[in-house]
Amino acid sequence: ANLNLLCPHQLIPKSGIYLSKVIWQENVFFGLTNIGCSPTVKNTGVIEIETHILDFQDNLYGQIMELDLLSYLREEKMFKNVDELKTAIQNDIALARVMLKEFSG
């Protein structure tokens, strides 16, 4: 599942990719959060917060949830093409899974 948030009047953390925790209806999920302007696909200059929840398929449109940033993974960057972006996302997901295993002991 992807969550998209616009925060026009809020202080937001440094742009980049984060390992994150989502709490929704007392359930905890983990994912990757991008804070930035998605330069490879949008590049509008508008800062957005987008979270991909790992292993989650339900529709959360219009739902209220808590988002906690756990660890900064890397800077947001502009890739040459969408295929490079997809590869980077898969690498980020793999790193997130390793980090989550380490956190859980």
Protein backbone atom coordinates (compact mmCIF):
# COMPACT_ATOMS: atom_id res chain seq x y z
CA ALA A 1 0.00 0.00 0.00
CA ASN A 2 1.17 3.51 -0.69
CA LEU A 3 0.26 6.47 1.50
CA ASN A 4 0.55 9.99 0.15
CA LEU A 5 0.58 13.03 2.41
CA LEU A 6 0.83 16.70 1.60
CA CYS A 7 2.15 18.92 4.40
CA PRO A 8 2.10 22.49 3.06
CA HIS A 9 2.27 24.22 6.46
CA GLN A 10 4.26 21.74 8.52
CA LEU A 11 7.93 21.36 9.31
CA ILE A 12 9.09 18.15 7.71
CA PRO A 13 12.31 16.13 8.05
CA LYS A 14 15.18 16.16 5.58
CA SER A 15 14.35 14.86 2.10
CA GLY A 16 15.25 11.25 1.51
CA ILE A 17 14.26 7.64 2.00
CA TYR A 18 13.44 6.38 5.51
CA LEU A 19 12.61 3.08 7.14
CA SER A 20 9.27 3.83 8.78
CA LYS A 21 6.59 2.43 11.06
CA VAL A 22 2.87 2.94 10.40
CA ILE A 23 0.29 2.52 13.15
CA TRP A 24 -3.28 2.09 11.95
CA GLN A 25 -6.18 0.87 14.08
CA GLU A 26 -3.73 -0.37 16.73
CA ASN A 27 -1.86 -2.45 14.12
CA VAL A 28 1.83 -1.87 13.37
CA PHE A 29 3.25 -2.09 9.86
CA PHE A 30 6.66 -1.21 8.44
CA GLY A 31 7.59 0.41 5.19
CA LEU A 32 9.68 2.90 3.29
CA THR A 33 8.89 6.60 3.30
CA ASN A 34 10.06 9.03 0.65
CA ILE A 35 10.14 12.68 1.62
CA GLY A 36 10.81 14.85 -1.39
CA CYS A 37 9.64 15.88 -4.83
CA SER A 38 10.00 12.51 -6.64
CA PRO A 39 12.42 13.96 -9.21
CA THR A 40 12.46 10.92 -11.51
CA VAL A 41 8.69 10.73 -12.05
CA LYS A 42 7.22 14.12 -11.05
CA ASN A 43 9.91 16.75 -10.44
CA THR A 44 7.33 19.44 -9.65
CA GLY A 45 9.38 20.83 -6.78
CA VAL A 46 6.47 20.13 -4.41
CA ILE A 47 7.64 18.26 -1.31
CA GLU A 48 5.45 15.23 -0.59
CA ILE A 49 5.56 12.38 1.89
CA GLU A 50 4.85 8.96 0.39
CA THR A 51 5.01 5.66 2.28
CA HIS A 52 5.06 2.17 0.81
CA ILE A 53 3.91 -0.33 3.45
CA LEU A 54 5.69 -3.66 3.09
CA ASP A 55 3.52 -6.72 2.47
CA PHE A 56 0.24 -4.78 2.70
CA GLN A 57 -2.52 -4.76 0.09
CA ASP A 58 -5.59 -3.14 1.70
CA ASN A 59 -6.93 0.27 0.67
CA LEU A 60 -6.29 2.93 3.34
CA TYR A 61 -7.67 5.88 1.39
CA GLY A 62 -9.00 8.53 3.80
CA GLN A 63 -7.79 6.67 6.90
CA ILE A 64 -6.00 8.39 9.77
CA MET A 65 -2.77 6.78 10.94
CA GLU A 66 0.49 7.54 12.68
CA LEU A 67 3.78 7.56 10.76
CA ASP A 68 7.08 7.23 12.62
CA LEU A 69 10.41 7.60 10.82
CA LEU A 70 12.81 5.00 12.24
CA SER A 71 16.02 5.39 10.24
CA TYR A 72 17.35 7.51 7.37
CA LEU A 73 18.45 5.23 4.51
CA ARG A 74 19.60 7.53 1.72
CA GLU A 75 19.12 10.79 -0.12
CA GLU A 76 16.38 11.20 -2.68
CA LYS A 77 17.91 11.33 -6.14
CA MET A 78 16.98 11.69 -9.78
CA PHE A 79 17.55 8.48 -11.69
CA LYS A 80 18.22 8.27 -15.44
CA ASN A 81 15.00 6.32 -15.96
CA VAL A 82 12.17 4.55 -14.16
CA ASP A 83 13.95 1.17 -14.39
CA GLU A 84 16.86 2.54 -12.34
CA LEU A 85 14.36 3.93 -9.84
CA LYS A 86 12.64 0.52 -9.57
CA THR A 87 16.01 -1.15 -8.94
CA ALA A 88 16.81 1.37 -6.20
CA ILE A 89 13.40 0.78 -4.60
CA GLN A 90 13.98 -2.99 -4.58
CA ASN A 91 17.40 -2.40 -2.97
CA ASP A 92 15.78 -0.12 -0.37
CA ILE A 93 13.16 -2.78 0.40
CA ALA A 94 15.86 -5.43 0.81
CA LEU A 95 17.83 -3.15 3.17
CA ALA A 96 14.65 -2.38 5.14
CA ARG A 97 13.95 -6.09 5.61
CA VAL A 98 17.51 -6.68 6.88
CA MET A 99 17.22 -3.75 9.28
CA LEU A 100 13.85 -4.97 10.58
CA LYS A 101 15.32 -8.42 11.28
CA GLU A 102 18.15 -6.75 13.22
CA PHE A 103 15.68 -4.58 15.19
CA SER A 104 13.58 -7.61 16.13
CA GLY A 105 16.64 -9.49 17.33
